[in-house]
Structure formats: structure tokens, C-alpha cells
Amino acid sequence: GRKRAKLPLSKVRYLNLNTKTEFGIVGEHFFIVTYDREPYGLLIKDK
């Protein structure tokens, strides 16, 4: 989190979540990324 917080325009918060998956939203794009043995993600363009 400290590494991510150093990026420009970045804000980080912490929660007690035990997950290897993250999701995000950029405009009409929704993404899910999972970090396990082989990281992979999905990108969906849907408002």
C-alpha cells in the first residue's frame, strides 16, 4: 500500500480483507484482477 500511495493521484485505504482479488472502475470500464499462482484479469466495458 505504501508503494501504491507514492504514485501520483493515488489514495490508499486499508481494510481487514483476506482476498487475492482487486477490482476497479475507470469510466465505463470495470476490471477484476486476481493474484494467485497465475495472475489474470477481466475487463468489461459496460456502464
All heavy atoms as atom14 arrays in JSON, in Angstrom:
{
  "sequence": "GRKRAKLPLSKVRYLNLNTKTEFGIVGEHFFIVTYDREPYGLLIKDK",
  "atom14_mask": [
    [1, 1, 1, 1, 0, 0, 0, 0, 0, 0, 0, 0, 0, 0],
    [1, 1, 1, 1, 1, 1, 1, 1, 1, 1, 1, 0, 0, 0],
    [1, 1, 1, 1, 1, 1, 1, 1, 1, 0, 0, 0, 0, 0],
    [1, 1, 1, 1, 1, 1, 1, 1, 1, 1, 1, 0, 0, 0],
    [1, 1, 1, 1, 1, 0, 0, 0, 0, 0, 0, 0, 0, 0],
    [1, 1, 1, 1, 1, 1, 1, 1, 1, 0, 0, 0, 0, 0],
    [1, 1, 1, 1, 1, 1, 1, 1, 0, 0, 0, 0, 0, 0],
    [1, 1, 1, 1, 1, 1, 1, 0, 0, 0, 0, 0, 0, 0],
    [1, 1, 1, 1, 1, 1, 1, 1, 0, 0, 0, 0, 0, 0],
    [1, 1, 1, 1, 1, 1, 0, 0, 0, 0, 0, 0, 0, 0],
    [1, 1, 1, 1, 1, 1, 1, 1, 1, 0, 0, 0, 0, 0],
    [1, 1, 1, 1, 1, 1, 1, 0, 0, 0, 0, 0, 0, 0],
    [1, 1, 1, 1, 1, 1, 1, 1, 1, 1, 1, 0, 0, 0],
    [1, 1, 1, 1, 1, 1, 1, 1, 1, 1, 1, 1, 0, 0],
    [1, 1, 1, 1, 1, 1, 1, 1, 0, 0, 0, 0, 0, 0],
    [1, 1, 1, 1, 1, 1, 1, 1, 0, 0, 0, 0, 0, 0],
    [1, 1, 1, 1, 1, 1, 1, 1, 0, 0, 0, 0, 0, 0],
    [1, 1, 1, 1, 1, 1, 1, 1, 0, 0, 0, 0, 0, 0],
    [1, 1, 1, 1, 1, 1, 1, 0, 0, 0, 0, 0, 0, 0],
    [1, 1, 1, 1, 1, 1, 1, 1, 1, 0, 0, 0, 0, 0],
    [1, 1, 1, 1, 1, 1, 1, 0, 0, 0, 0, 0, 0, 0],
    [1, 1, 1, 1, 1, 1, 1, 1, 1, 0, 0, 0, 0, 0],
    [1, 1, 1, 1, 1, 1, 1, 1, 1, 1, 1, 0, 0, 0],
    [1, 1, 1, 1, 0, 0, 0, 0, 0, 0, 0, 0, 0, 0],
    [1, 1, 1, 1, 1, 1, 1, 1, 0, 0, 0, 0, 0, 0],
    [1, 1, 1, 1, 1, 1, 1, 0, 0, 0, 0, 0, 0, 0],
    [1, 1, 1, 1, 0, 0, 0, 0, 0, 0, 0, 0, 0, 0],
    [1, 1, 1, 1, 1, 1, 1, 1, 1, 0, 0, 0, 0, 0],
    [1, 1, 1, 1, 1, 1, 1, 1, 1, 1, 0, 0, 0, 0],
    [1, 1, 1, 1, 1, 1, 1, 1, 1, 1, 1, 0, 0, 0],
    [1, 1, 1, 1, 1, 1, 1, 1, 1, 1, 1, 0, 0, 0],
    [1, 1, 1, 1, 1, 1, 1, 1, 0, 0, 0, 0, 0, 0],
    [1, 1, 1, 1, 1, 1, 1, 0, 0, 0, 0, 0, 0, 0],
    [1, 1, 1, 1, 1, 1, 1, 0, 0, 0, 0, 0, 0, 0],
    [1, 1, 1, 1, 1, 1, 1, 1, 1, 1, 1, 1, 0, 0],
    [1, 1, 1, 1, 1, 1, 1, 1, 0, 0, 0, 0, 0, 0],
    [1, 1, 1, 1, 1, 1, 1, 1, 1, 1, 1, 0, 0, 0],
    [1, 1, 1, 1, 1, 1, 1, 1, 1, 0, 0, 0, 0, 0],
    [1, 1, 1, 1, 1, 1, 1, 0, 0, 0, 0, 0, 0, 0],
    [1, 1, 1, 1, 1, 1, 1, 1, 1, 1, 1, 1, 0, 0],
    [1, 1, 1, 1, 0, 0, 0, 0, 0, 0, 0, 0, 0, 0],
    [1, 1, 1, 1, 1, 1, 1, 1, 0, 0, 0, 0, 0, 0],
    [1, 1, 1, 1, 1, 1, 1, 1, 0, 0, 0, 0, 0, 0],
    [1, 1, 1, 1, 1, 1, 1, 1, 0, 0, 0, 0, 0, 0],
    [1, 1, 1, 1, 1, 1, 1, 1, 1, 0, 0, 0, 0, 0],
    [1, 1, 1, 1, 1, 1, 1, 1, 0, 0, 0, 0, 0, 0],
    [1, 1, 1, 1, 1, 1, 1, 1, 1, 0, 0, 0, 0, 0]
  ],
  "atom14_positions": [
    [[0.81, -1.21, 0.0], [0.0, 0.0, 0.0], [0.84, 1.26, 0.0], [0.51, 2.23, -0.68], [0.0, 0.0, 0.0], [0.0, 0.0, 0.0], [0.0, 0.0, 0.0], [0.0, 0.0, 0.0], [0.0, 0.0, 0.0], [0.0, 0.0, 0.0], [0.0, 0.0, 0.0], [0.0, 0.0, 0.0], [0.0, 0.0, 0.0], [0.0, 0.0, 0.0]],
    [[1.93, 1.25, 0.75], [2.81, 2.44, 0.78], [3.42, 2.69, -0.59], [3.58, 3.84, -1.01], [3.88, 2.26, 1.84], [3.35, 2.45, 3.26], [4.48, 2.51, 4.28], [5.13, 1.23, 4.48], [4.76, 0.31, 5.37], [3.72, 0.54, 6.14], [5.42, -0.82, 5.47], [0.0, 0.0, 0.0], [0.0, 0.0, 0.0], [0.0, 0.0, 0.0]],
    [[3.74, 1.62, -1.32], [4.29, 1.79, -2.68], [3.23, 2.4, -3.6], [3.52, 3.3, -4.38], [4.74, 0.44, -3.25], [5.99, -0.09, -2.62], [6.39, -1.4, -3.27], [7.62, -1.98, -2.61], [8.01, -3.26, -3.23], [0.0, 0.0, 0.0], [0.0, 0.0, 0.0], [0.0, 0.0, 0.0], [0.0, 0.0, 0.0], [0.0, 0.0, 0.0]],
    [[2.0, 1.89, -3.49], [0.91, 2.4, -4.32], [0.6, 3.86, -3.99], [0.28, 4.65, -4.85], [-0.36, 1.56, -4.15], [-0.34, 0.22, -4.88], [-0.25, 0.45, -6.33], [-0.64, -0.44, -7.36], [-1.72, -1.13, -7.58], [-2.64, -1.24, -6.71], [-1.93, -1.79, -8.67], [0.0, 0.0, 0.0], [0.0, 0.0, 0.0], [0.0, 0.0, 0.0]],
    [[0.68, 4.23, -2.71], [0.35, 5.59, -2.27], [1.33, 6.62, -2.83], [0.99, 7.8, -2.92], [0.33, 5.66, -0.75], [0.0, 0.0, 0.0], [0.0, 0.0, 0.0], [0.0, 0.0, 0.0], [0.0, 0.0, 0.0], [0.0, 0.0, 0.0], [0.0, 0.0, 0.0], [0.0, 0.0, 0.0], [0.0, 0.0, 0.0], [0.0, 0.0, 0.0]],
    [[2.52, 6.2, -3.21], [3.52, 7.13, -3.76], [3.22, 7.51, -5.21], [3.79, 8.47, -5.72], [4.91, 6.52, -3.67], [5.41, 6.42, -2.24], [6.78, 5.78, -2.2], [7.25, 5.62, -0.76], [8.56, 4.95, -0.68], [0.0, 0.0, 0.0], [0.0, 0.0, 0.0], [0.0, 0.0, 0.0], [0.0, 0.0, 0.0], [0.0, 0.0, 0.0]],
    [[2.35, 6.76, -5.86], [2.01, 7.07, -7.26], [1.19, 8.36, -7.32], [0.39, 8.62, -6.42], [1.23, 5.91, -7.88], [1.95, 4.59, -7.98], [0.99, 3.49, -8.43], [3.12, 4.69, -8.95], [0.0, 0.0, 0.0], [0.0, 0.0, 0.0], [0.0, 0.0, 0.0], [0.0, 0.0, 0.0], [0.0, 0.0, 0.0], [0.0, 0.0, 0.0]],
    [[1.37, 9.16, -8.36], [0.6, 10.4, -8.48], [-0.91, 10.11, -8.49], [-1.35, 9.09, -9.03], [1.04, 10.97, -9.83], [2.32, 10.29, -10.16], [2.28, 8.95, -9.48], [0.0, 0.0, 0.0], [0.0, 0.0, 0.0], [0.0, 0.0, 0.0], [0.0, 0.0, 0.0], [0.0, 0.0, 0.0], [0.0, 0.0, 0.0], [0.0, 0.0, 0.0]],
    [[-1.66, 11.0, -7.87], [-3.13, 10.94, -7.84], [-3.67, 9.68, -7.16], [-4.8, 9.28, -7.41], [-3.71, 11.06, -9.25], [-3.32, 12.31, -10.05], [-3.83, 12.2, -11.48], [-3.86, 13.57, -9.39], [0.0, 0.0, 0.0], [0.0, 0.0, 0.0], [0.0, 0.0, 0.0], [0.0, 0.0, 0.0], [0.0, 0.0, 0.0], [0.0, 0.0, 0.0]],
    [[-2.86, 9.05, -6.31], [-3.26, 7.81, -5.67], [-3.67, 8.02, -4.22], [-3.06, 8.79, -3.5], [-2.11, 6.8, -5.69], [-1.8, 6.46, -7.01], [0.0, 0.0, 0.0], [0.0, 0.0, 0.0], [0.0, 0.0, 0.0], [0.0, 0.0, 0.0], [0.0, 0.0, 0.0], [0.0, 0.0, 0.0], [0.0, 0.0, 0.0], [0.0, 0.0, 0.0]],
    [[-4.71, 7.31, -3.83], [-5.17, 7.3, -2.44], [-5.34, 5.84, -2.04], [-5.9, 5.05, -2.78], [-6.49, 8.04, -2.29], [-6.38, 9.52, -2.59], [-7.72, 10.2, -2.43], [-7.58, 11.67, -2.8], [-8.88, 12.35, -2.77], [0.0, 0.0, 0.0], [0.0, 0.0, 0.0], [0.0, 0.0, 0.0], [0.0, 0.0, 0.0], [0.0, 0.0, 0.0]],
    [[-4.84, 5.5, -0.85], [-4.88, 4.13, -0.37], [-5.57, 4.09, 0.98], [-5.32, 4.95, 1.83], [-3.46, 3.54, -0.25], [-3.49, 2.14, 0.33], [-2.75, 3.56, -1.59], [0.0, 0.0, 0.0], [0.0, 0.0, 0.0], [0.0, 0.0, 0.0], [0.0, 0.0, 0.0], [0.0, 0.0, 0.0], [0.0, 0.0, 0.0], [0.0, 0.0, 0.0]],
    [[-6.42, 3.1, 1.17], [-7.02, 2.83, 2.46], [-6.9, 1.34, 2.73], [-6.7, 0.54, 1.81], [-8.49, 3.25, 2.5], [-8.63, 4.77, 2.49], [-9.97, 5.17, 2.98], [-10.07, 6.62, 2.99], [-11.16, 7.28, 3.3], [-12.26, 6.61, 3.62], [-11.17, 8.58, 3.3], [0.0, 0.0, 0.0], [0.0, 0.0, 0.0], [0.0, 0.0, 0.0]],
    [[-7.04, 1.0, 4.01], [-6.83, -0.38, 4.43], [-8.07, -0.93, 5.12], [-8.76, -0.22, 5.86], [-5.63, -0.46, 5.39], [-4.37, 0.04, 4.75], [-3.99, 1.37, 4.88], [-3.57, -0.8, 3.99], [-2.83, 1.84, 4.28], [-2.41, -0.34, 3.38], [-2.05, 0.99, 3.54], [-0.92, 1.45, 2.94], [0.0, 0.0, 0.0], [0.0, 0.0, 0.0]],
    [[-8.3, -2.21, 4.88], [-9.44, -2.9, 5.48], [-9.0, -4.34, 5.74], [-8.14, -4.87, 5.05], [-10.62, -2.87, 4.52], [-12.01, -3.12, 5.07], [-12.39, -2.09, 6.13], [-13.02, -3.05, 3.94], [0.0, 0.0, 0.0], [0.0, 0.0, 0.0], [0.0, 0.0, 0.0], [0.0, 0.0, 0.0], [0.0, 0.0, 0.0], [0.0, 0.0, 0.0]],
    [[-9.59, -4.95, 6.73], [-9.26, -6.33, 7.04], [-9.98, -7.24, 6.05], [-11.04, -7.8, 6.33], [-9.64, -6.67, 8.48], [-9.11, -8.02, 8.9], [-8.24, -8.58, 8.24], [-9.63, -8.55, 9.97], [0.0, 0.0, 0.0], [0.0, 0.0, 0.0], [0.0, 0.0, 0.0], [0.0, 0.0, 0.0], [0.0, 0.0, 0.0], [0.0, 0.0, 0.0]],
    [[-9.43, -7.36, 4.87], [-9.96, -8.2, 3.8], [-8.93, -9.26, 3.47], [-7.78, -8.94, 3.2], [-10.23, -7.39, 2.53], [-11.31, -6.34, 2.58], [-11.29, -5.53, 1.29], [-12.67, -6.98, 2.76], [0.0, 0.0, 0.0], [0.0, 0.0, 0.0], [0.0, 0.0, 0.0], [0.0, 0.0, 0.0], [0.0, 0.0, 0.0], [0.0, 0.0, 0.0]],
    [[-9.31, -10.5, 3.47], [-8.4, -11.56, 3.11], [-8.76, -12.03, 1.7], [-9.47, -13.0, 1.52], [-8.47, -12.71, 4.11], [-7.39, -13.73, 3.86], [-6.45, -13.49, 3.11], [-7.53, -14.88, 4.46], [0.0, 0.0, 0.0], [0.0, 0.0, 0.0], [0.0, 0.0, 0.0], [0.0, 0.0, 0.0], [0.0, 0.0, 0.0], [0.0, 0.0, 0.0]],
    [[-8.28, -11.29, 0.73], [-8.59, -11.61, -0.66], [-7.37, -11.4, -1.54], [-6.51, -10.58, -1.23], [-9.76, -10.74, -1.17], [-10.03, -11.07, -2.53], [-9.47, -9.27, -1.07], [0.0, 0.0, 0.0], [0.0, 0.0, 0.0], [0.0, 0.0, 0.0], [0.0, 0.0, 0.0], [0.0, 0.0, 0.0], [0.0, 0.0, 0.0], [0.0, 0.0, 0.0]],
    [[-7.31, -12.15, -2.59], [-6.23, -12.0, -3.58], [-6.78, -11.39, -4.86], [-6.19, -11.52, -5.91], [-5.61, -13.37, -3.87], [-4.9, -13.98, -2.69], [-4.32, -15.31, -3.05], [-3.65, -15.92, -1.85], [-3.16, -17.27, -2.13], [0.0, 0.0, 0.0], [0.0, 0.0, 0.0], [0.0, 0.0, 0.0], [0.0, 0.0, 0.0], [0.0, 0.0, 0.0]],
    [[-7.92, -10.72, -4.74], [-8.58, -10.15, -5.91], [-8.82, -8.67, -5.68], [-9.15, -8.26, -4.58], [-9.92, -10.87, -6.16], [-9.67, -12.26, -6.33], [-10.6, -10.33, -7.39], [0.0, 0.0, 0.0], [0.0, 0.0, 0.0], [0.0, 0.0, 0.0], [0.0, 0.0, 0.0], [0.0, 0.0, 0.0], [0.0, 0.0, 0.0], [0.0, 0.0, 0.0]],
    [[-8.65, -7.88, -6.71], [-8.98, -6.46, -6.63], [-9.87, -6.11, -7.82], [-9.89, -6.82, -8.82], [-7.74, -5.59, -6.61], [-6.95, -5.57, -7.88], [-5.73, -4.67, -7.8], [-4.95, -4.79, -6.83], [-5.54, -3.87, -8.73], [0.0, 0.0, 0.0], [0.0, 0.0, 0.0], [0.0, 0.0, 0.0], [0.0, 0.0, 0.0], [0.0, 0.0, 0.0]],
    [[-10.63, -5.04, -7.66], [-11.43, -4.57, -8.78], [-11.33, -3.07, -8.85], [-10.95, -2.41, -7.89], [-12.89, -5.04, -8.69], [-13.72, -4.34, -7.65], [-14.38, -3.16, -7.93], [-13.85, -4.87, -6.38], [-15.15, -2.52, -6.98], [-14.62, -4.25, -5.42], [-15.27, -3.06, -5.72], [0.0, 0.0, 0.0], [0.0, 0.0, 0.0], [0.0, 0.0, 0.0]],
    [[-11.65, -2.54, -10.0], [-11.59, -1.1, -10.18], [-12.53, -0.65, -11.27], [-13.04, -1.46, -12.06], [0.0, 0.0, 0.0], [0.0, 0.0, 0.0], [0.0, 0.0, 0.0], [0.0, 0.0, 0.0], [0.0, 0.0, 0.0], [0.0, 0.0, 0.0], [0.0, 0.0, 0.0], [0.0, 0.0, 0.0], [0.0, 0.0, 0.0], [0.0, 0.0, 0.0]],
    [[-12.74, 0.65, -11.28], [-13.63, 1.27, -12.25], [-12.91, 2.46, -12.86], [-12.36, 3.29, -12.14], [-14.93, 1.77, -11.58], [-15.65, 0.62, -10.87], [-15.86, 2.4, -12.59], [-15.48, 0.61, -9.41], [0.0, 0.0, 0.0], [0.0, 0.0, 0.0], [0.0, 0.0, 0.0], [0.0, 0.0, 0.0], [0.0, 0.0, 0.0], [0.0, 0.0, 0.0]],
    [[-12.92, 2.53, -14.17], [-12.39, 3.68, -14.89], [-13.39, 3.99, -15.99], [-13.53, 3.23, -16.94], [-10.99, 3.4, -15.49], [-10.5, 4.61, -16.27], [-10.0, 3.01, -14.42], [0.0, 0.0, 0.0], [0.0, 0.0, 0.0], [0.0, 0.0, 0.0], [0.0, 0.0, 0.0], [0.0, 0.0, 0.0], [0.0, 0.0, 0.0], [0.0, 0.0, 0.0]],
    [[-14.12, 5.08, -15.82], [-15.14, 5.44, -16.8], [-16.18, 4.34, -16.91], [-16.78, 3.93, -15.92], [0.0, 0.0, 0.0], [0.0, 0.0, 0.0], [0.0, 0.0, 0.0], [0.0, 0.0, 0.0], [0.0, 0.0, 0.0], [0.0, 0.0, 0.0], [0.0, 0.0, 0.0], [0.0, 0.0, 0.0], [0.0, 0.0, 0.0], [0.0, 0.0, 0.0]],
    [[-16.39, 3.83, -18.11], [-17.35, 2.75, -18.34], [-16.69, 1.37, -18.24], [-17.32, 0.37, -18.53], [-18.0, 2.9, -19.72], [-18.88, 4.11, -19.83], [-19.6, 4.19, -21.17], [-19.41, 3.31, -22.02], [-20.36, 5.15, -21.36], [0.0, 0.0, 0.0], [0.0, 0.0, 0.0], [0.0, 0.0, 0.0], [0.0, 0.0, 0.0], [0.0, 0.0, 0.0]],
    [[-15.44, 1.32, -17.83], [-14.72, 0.06, -17.74], [-14.68, -0.42, -16.29], [-14.37, 0.33, -15.37], [-13.29, 0.22, -18.26], [-13.23, 0.47, -19.72], [-13.36, 1.74, -20.25], [-13.08, -0.36, -20.76], [-13.28, 1.67, -21.56], [-13.1, 0.4, -21.9], [0.0, 0.0, 0.0], [0.0, 0.0, 0.0], [0.0, 0.0, 0.0], [0.0, 0.0, 0.0]],
    [[-14.96, -1.7, -16.12], [-14.88, -2.36, -14.83], [-13.86, -3.49, -14.98], [-13.89, -4.22, -15.96], [-16.26, -2.95, -14.46], [-16.23, -3.92, -13.33], [-16.04, -3.48, -12.03], [-16.38, -5.28, -13.55], [-16.01, -4.38, -10.98], [-16.36, -6.18, -12.51], [-16.17, -5.73, -11.21], [0.0, 0.0, 0.0], [0.0, 0.0, 0.0], [0.0, 0.0, 0.0]],
    [[-12.91, -3.59, -14.02], [-11.93, -4.66, -14.13], [-11.81, -5.43, -12.83], [-12.05, -4.9, -11.75], [-10.56, -4.13, -14.57], [-9.89, -3.23, -13.57], [-9.11, -3.75, -12.55], [-10.01, -1.86, -13.68], [-8.48, -2.92, -11.64], [-9.38, -1.02, -12.78], [-8.61, -1.55, -11.76], [0.0, 0.0, 0.0], [0.0, 0.0, 0.0], [0.0, 0.0, 0.0]],
    [[-11.45, -6.7, -12.97], [-11.17, -7.58, -11.84], [-9.81, -8.23, -12.13], [-9.57, -8.71, -13.23], [-12.22, -8.7, -11.72], [-13.61, -8.13, -11.55], [-11.88, -9.62, -10.54], [-14.71, -9.18, -11.63], [0.0, 0.0, 0.0], [0.0, 0.0, 0.0], [0.0, 0.0, 0.0], [0.0, 0.0, 0.0], [0.0, 0.0, 0.0], [0.0, 0.0, 0.0]],
    [[-8.93, -8.2, -11.12], [-7.64, -8.84, -11.25], [-7.46, -9.76, -10.05], [-7.73, -9.36, -8.92], [-6.49, -7.81, -11.28], [-5.14, -8.5, -11.39], [-6.67, -6.81, -12.4], [0.0, 0.0, 0.0], [0.0, 0.0, 0.0], [0.0, 0.0, 0.0], [0.0, 0.0, 0.0], [0.0, 0.0, 0.0], [0.0, 0.0, 0.0], [0.0, 0.0, 0.0]],
    [[-7.04, -10.98, -10.3], [-6.79, -11.92, -9.2], [-5.32, -12.28, -9.19], [-4.69, -12.42, -10.24], [-7.68, -13.17, -9.29], [-7.48, -13.95, -8.11], [-7.4, -14.0, -10.51], [0.0, 0.0, 0.0], [0.0, 0.0, 0.0], [0.0, 0.0, 0.0], [0.0, 0.0, 0.0], [0.0, 0.0, 0.0], [0.0, 0.0, 0.0], [0.0, 0.0, 0.0]],
    [[-4.76, -12.35, -8.0], [-3.34, -12.65, -7.82], [-3.22, -13.98, -7.1], [-3.39, -14.07, -5.9], [-2.65, -11.56, -7.0], [-2.77, -10.2, -7.63], [-3.74, -9.3, -7.2], [-1.92, -9.82, -8.64], [-3.86, -8.05, -7.79], [-2.04, -8.57, -9.24], [-3.0, -7.7, -8.8], [-3.12, -6.47, -9.37], [0.0, 0.0, 0.0], [0.0, 0.0, 0.0]],
    [[-2.96, -15.01, -7.85], [-2.73, -16.33, -7.27], [-1.47, -16.86, -7.94], [-0.58, -16.08, -8.25], [-3.95, -17.23, -7.5], [-4.06, -18.36, -6.49], [-3.28, -18.38, -5.51], [-4.94, -19.22, -6.67], [0.0, 0.0, 0.0], [0.0, 0.0, 0.0], [0.0, 0.0, 0.0], [0.0, 0.0, 0.0], [0.0, 0.0, 0.0], [0.0, 0.0, 0.0]],
    [[-1.4, -18.11, -8.19], [-0.21, -18.65, -8.86], [0.02, -17.99, -10.21], [1.11, -17.63, -10.57], [-0.33, -20.15, -9.04], [-0.27, -20.89, -7.75], [-0.4, -22.36, -7.97], [-0.55, -23.01, -6.69], [-0.28, -24.27, -6.5], [0.11, -25.02, -7.49], [-0.45, -24.79, -5.31], [0.0, 0.0, 0.0], [0.0, 0.0, 0.0], [0.0, 0.0, 0.0]],
    [[-1.06, -17.84, -10.97], [-1.01, -17.19, -12.27], [-1.97, -16.0, -12.24], [-3.19, -16.2, -12.3], [-1.44, -18.17, -13.38], [-0.49, -19.32, -13.6], [0.8, -18.88, -14.28], [0.77, -17.93, -15.09], [1.84, -19.5, -13.98], [0.0, 0.0, 0.0], [0.0, 0.0, 0.0], [0.0, 0.0, 0.0], [0.0, 0.0, 0.0], [0.0, 0.0, 0.0]],
    [[-1.47, -14.78, -12.12], [-2.38, -13.62, -12.1], [-3.12, -13.49, -13.43], [-2.58, -13.79, -14.5], [-1.44, -12.42, -11.92], [-0.14, -12.99, -11.48], [-0.08, -14.39, -11.97], [0.0, 0.0, 0.0], [0.0, 0.0, 0.0], [0.0, 0.0, 0.0], [0.0, 0.0, 0.0], [0.0, 0.0, 0.0], [0.0, 0.0, 0.0], [0.0, 0.0, 0.0]],
    [[-4.37, -13.1, -13.36], [-5.13, -12.83, -14.57], [-6.24, -11.85, -14.25], [-6.56, -11.58, -13.09], [-5.68, -14.11, -15.2], [-6.71, -14.84, -14.36], [-8.07, -14.58, -14.51], [-6.33, -15.78, -13.42], [-9.01, -15.24, -13.74], [-7.27, -16.44, -12.65], [-8.6, -16.17, -12.81], [-9.52, -16.82, -12.05], [0.0, 0.0, 0.0], [0.0, 0.0, 0.0]],
    [[-6.81, -11.27, -15.29], [-7.85, -10.27, -15.09], [-8.91, -10.29, -16.16], [-8.75, -10.93, -17.2], [0.0, 0.0, 0.0], [0.0, 0.0, 0.0], [0.0, 0.0, 0.0], [0.0, 0.0, 0.0], [0.0, 0.0, 0.0], [0.0, 0.0, 0.0], [0.0, 0.0, 0.0], [0.0, 0.0, 0.0], [0.0, 0.0, 0.0], [0.0, 0.0, 0.0]],
    [[-9.97, -9.6, -15.85], [-11.09, -9.42, -16.78], [-11.35, -7.93, -16.92], [-11.3, -7.2, -15.93], [-12.36, -10.08, -16.24], [-12.31, -11.58, -15.97], [-13.56, -12.0, -15.23], [-12.2, -12.33, -17.28], [0.0, 0.0, 0.0], [0.0, 0.0, 0.0], [0.0, 0.0, 0.0], [0.0, 0.0, 0.0], [0.0, 0.0, 0.0], [0.0, 0.0, 0.0]],
    [[-11.65, -7.49, -18.1], [-12.01, -6.11, -18.36], [-13.36, -6.11, -19.06], [-13.52, -6.76, -20.09], [-10.96, -5.42, -19.24], [-11.26, -3.98, -19.64], [-11.3, -3.07, -18.42], [-10.23, -3.49, -20.65], [0.0, 0.0, 0.0], [0.0, 0.0, 0.0], [0.0, 0.0, 0.0], [0.0, 0.0, 0.0], [0.0, 0.0, 0.0], [0.0, 0.0, 0.0]],
    [[-14.31, -5.41, -18.46], [-15.66, -5.35, -19.02], [-16.0, -3.89, -19.28], [-15.91, -3.06, -18.38], [-16.69, -5.95, -18.03], [-16.34, -7.4, -17.7], [-18.1, -5.82, -18.59], [-17.11, -7.97, -16.53], [0.0, 0.0, 0.0], [0.0, 0.0, 0.0], [0.0, 0.0, 0.0], [0.0, 0.0, 0.0], [0.0, 0.0, 0.0], [0.0, 0.0, 0.0]],
    [[-16.38, -3.6, -20.52], [-16.82, -2.24, -20.84], [-18.35, -2.26, -20.81], [-19.0, -2.75, -21.74], [-16.33, -1.79, -22.21], [-16.75, -0.36, -22.5], [-16.25, 0.12, -23.84], [-16.74, 1.55, -24.07], [-16.35, 2.05, -25.38], [0.0, 0.0, 0.0], [0.0, 0.0, 0.0], [0.0, 0.0, 0.0], [0.0, 0.0, 0.0], [0.0, 0.0, 0.0]],
    [[-18.9, -1.75, -19.71], [-20.34, -1.75, -19.54], [-20.69, -0.71, -18.48], [-20.24, -0.81, -17.34], [-20.82, -3.15, -19.1], [-22.32, -3.23, -19.0], [-22.86, -2.72, -18.0], [-22.95, -3.8, -19.91], [0.0, 0.0, 0.0], [0.0, 0.0, 0.0], [0.0, 0.0, 0.0], [0.0, 0.0, 0.0], [0.0, 0.0, 0.0], [0.0, 0.0, 0.0]],
    [[-21.45, 0.29, -18.86], [-21.78, 1.38, -17.94], [-22.54, 0.86, -16.73], [-22.31, 1.32, -15.61], [-22.59, 2.45, -18.66], [-22.87, 3.66, -17.78], [-23.32, 4.83, -18.6], [-23.73, 6.04, -17.81], [-23.14, 6.26, -16.54], [0.0, 0.0, 0.0], [0.0, 0.0, 0.0], [0.0, 0.0, 0.0], [0.0, 0.0, 0.0], [0.0, 0.0, 0.0]]
  ]
}
